[in-house]
Amino acid sequence: MPNAFDPYREALVVETNTIWPEEYEGLDDRDRAVIESRLHADPKACAEMDYVRMHTGFCREVKVTTADLQRLGVA
């Protein structure tokens, strides 16, 4: 189960990762980059987000969902 937004861990994010389901493989790389940027700019609003512990801090991992794309006006 994904973690909820956590201001403490958010302050320690040193890396981001975006997980794209197979159904969105056809998106252009530029479109994906814009969507990823928008999702990571507002992690509190992401439907599925998790923090992965690293030696130097945390990696914010966002899984792209249909709800996220609808919220961004993409789907």
C-alpha atoms as a PDB file:
ATOM      1  CA  MET A   1       0.000   0.000   0.000  1.00  0.00           C
ATOM      2  CA  PRO A   2       1.435   3.405  -0.954  1.00  0.00           C
ATOM      3  CA  ASN A   3       2.396   5.808   1.758  1.00  0.00           C
ATOM      4  CA  ALA A   4       0.588   9.055   2.351  1.00  0.00           C
ATOM      5  CA  PHE A   5       2.341  12.365   1.779  1.00  0.00           C
ATOM      6  CA  ASP A   6       4.836  12.957   4.583  1.00  0.00           C
ATOM      7  CA  PRO A   7       6.400  16.433   4.962  1.00  0.00           C
ATOM      8  CA  TYR A   8       9.366  15.025   6.922  1.00  0.00           C
ATOM      9  CA  ARG A   9      10.304  12.455   4.280  1.00  0.00           C
ATOM     10  CA  GLU A  10       9.437  14.920   1.505  1.00  0.00           C
ATOM     11  CA  ALA A  11      12.119  17.274   2.840  1.00  0.00           C
ATOM     12  CA  LEU A  12      14.627  14.416   2.502  1.00  0.00           C
ATOM     13  CA  VAL A  13      13.773  13.429  -1.102  1.00  0.00           C
ATOM     14  CA  VAL A  14      16.983  13.223  -3.129  1.00  0.00           C
ATOM     15  CA  GLU A  15      15.653  11.284  -6.124  1.00  0.00           C
ATOM     16  CA  THR A  16      12.377  10.730  -7.953  1.00  0.00           C
ATOM     17  CA  ASN A  17      11.053   7.803  -9.940  1.00  0.00           C
ATOM     18  CA  THR A  18       7.901   7.480 -12.019  1.00  0.00           C
ATOM     19  CA  ILE A  19       6.240   4.142 -12.718  1.00  0.00           C
ATOM     20  CA  TRP A  20       4.251   4.007 -15.949  1.00  0.00           C
ATOM     21  CA  PRO A  21       1.687   1.214 -16.419  1.00  0.00           C
ATOM     22  CA  GLU A  22       1.822  -0.630 -19.759  1.00  0.00           C
ATOM     23  CA  GLU A  23      -1.337   1.094 -20.974  1.00  0.00           C
ATOM     24  CA  TYR A  24       0.582   4.403 -21.270  1.00  0.00           C
ATOM     25  CA  GLU A  25       3.585   3.066 -23.200  1.00  0.00           C
ATOM     26  CA  GLY A  26       2.403   4.806 -26.362  1.00  0.00           C
ATOM     27  CA  LEU A  27       2.867   8.306 -24.967  1.00  0.00           C
ATOM     28  CA  ASP A  28       5.540  10.484 -26.532  1.00  0.00           C
ATOM     29  CA  ASP A  29       8.687  10.936 -24.399  1.00  0.00           C
ATOM     30  CA  ARG A  30       8.156  14.707 -24.244  1.00  0.00           C
ATOM     31  CA  ASP A  31       4.573  14.242 -23.036  1.00  0.00           C
ATOM     32  CA  ARG A  32       5.759  11.766 -20.411  1.00  0.00           C
ATOM     33  CA  ALA A  33       8.419  14.206 -19.195  1.00  0.00           C
ATOM     34  CA  VAL A  34       5.841  16.993 -18.820  1.00  0.00           C
ATOM     35  CA  ILE A  35       3.418  14.717 -16.962  1.00  0.00           C
ATOM     36  CA  GLU A  36       6.186  13.424 -14.675  1.00  0.00           C
ATOM     37  CA  SER A  37       7.279  16.962 -13.902  1.00  0.00           C
ATOM     38  CA  ARG A  38       3.733  18.018 -13.034  1.00  0.00           C
ATOM     39  CA  LEU A  39       3.135  14.950 -10.860  1.00  0.00           C
ATOM     40  CA  HIS A  40       6.349  15.385  -8.895  1.00  0.00           C
ATOM     41  CA  ALA A  41       5.703  19.123  -8.520  1.00  0.00           C
ATOM     42  CA  ASP A  42       2.578  18.303  -6.473  1.00  0.00           C
ATOM     43  CA  PRO A  43       3.226  14.927  -4.815  1.00  0.00           C
ATOM     44  CA  LYS A  44       0.530  15.498  -2.211  1.00  0.00           C
ATOM     45  CA  ALA A  45      -2.131  15.207  -4.933  1.00  0.00           C
ATOM     46  CA  CYS A  46      -0.804  11.962  -6.475  1.00  0.00           C
ATOM     47  CA  ALA A  47      -3.116   8.962  -6.213  1.00  0.00           C
ATOM     48  CA  GLU A  48      -0.275   6.456  -5.655  1.00  0.00           C
ATOM     49  CA  MET A  49       2.952   7.718  -4.155  1.00  0.00           C
ATOM     50  CA  ASP A  50       5.534   6.012  -1.984  1.00  0.00           C
ATOM     51  CA  TYR A  51       8.836   6.876  -0.325  1.00  0.00           C
ATOM     52  CA  VAL A  52      11.699   4.445  -0.767  1.00  0.00           C
ATOM     53  CA  ARG A  53      14.473   4.685   1.828  1.00  0.00           C
ATOM     54  CA  MET A  54      17.962   5.272   0.421  1.00  0.00           C
ATOM     55  CA  HIS A  55      21.317   5.750   2.137  1.00  0.00           C
ATOM     56  CA  THR A  56      21.232   9.484   1.464  1.00  0.00           C
ATOM     57  CA  GLY A  57      17.514  10.171   1.995  1.00  0.00           C
ATOM     58  CA  PHE A  58      14.376   9.071   0.173  1.00  0.00           C
ATOM     59  CA  CYS A  59      13.291   8.424  -3.387  1.00  0.00           C
ATOM     60  CA  ARG A  60       9.759   9.630  -4.129  1.00  0.00           C
ATOM     61  CA  GLU A  61       8.116   7.008  -6.324  1.00  0.00           C
ATOM     62  CA  VAL A  62       4.921   7.951  -8.142  1.00  0.00           C
ATOM     63  CA  LYS A  63       2.807   5.436 -10.026  1.00  0.00           C
ATOM     64  CA  VAL A  64       0.864   7.119 -12.822  1.00  0.00           C
ATOM     65  CA  THR A  65      -2.882   6.448 -12.603  1.00  0.00           C
ATOM     66  CA  THR A  66      -5.872   7.373 -14.718  1.00  0.00           C
ATOM     67  CA  ALA A  67      -7.058   9.595 -11.853  1.00  0.00           C
ATOM     68  CA  ASP A  68      -3.765  11.541 -11.983  1.00  0.00           C
ATOM     69  CA  LEU A  69      -4.029  12.024 -15.737  1.00  0.00           C
ATOM     70  CA  GLN A  70      -7.629  13.189 -15.435  1.00  0.00           C
ATOM     71  CA  ARG A  71      -6.660  15.628 -12.691  1.00  0.00           C
ATOM     72  CA  LEU A  72      -3.936  17.028 -14.953  1.00  0.00           C
ATOM     73  CA  GLY A  73      -6.361  17.255 -17.889  1.00  0.00           C
ATOM     74  CA  VAL A  74      -4.399  14.778 -19.992  1.00  0.00           C
ATOM     75  CA  ALA A  75      -6.823  11.838 -20.162  1.00  0.00           C
END
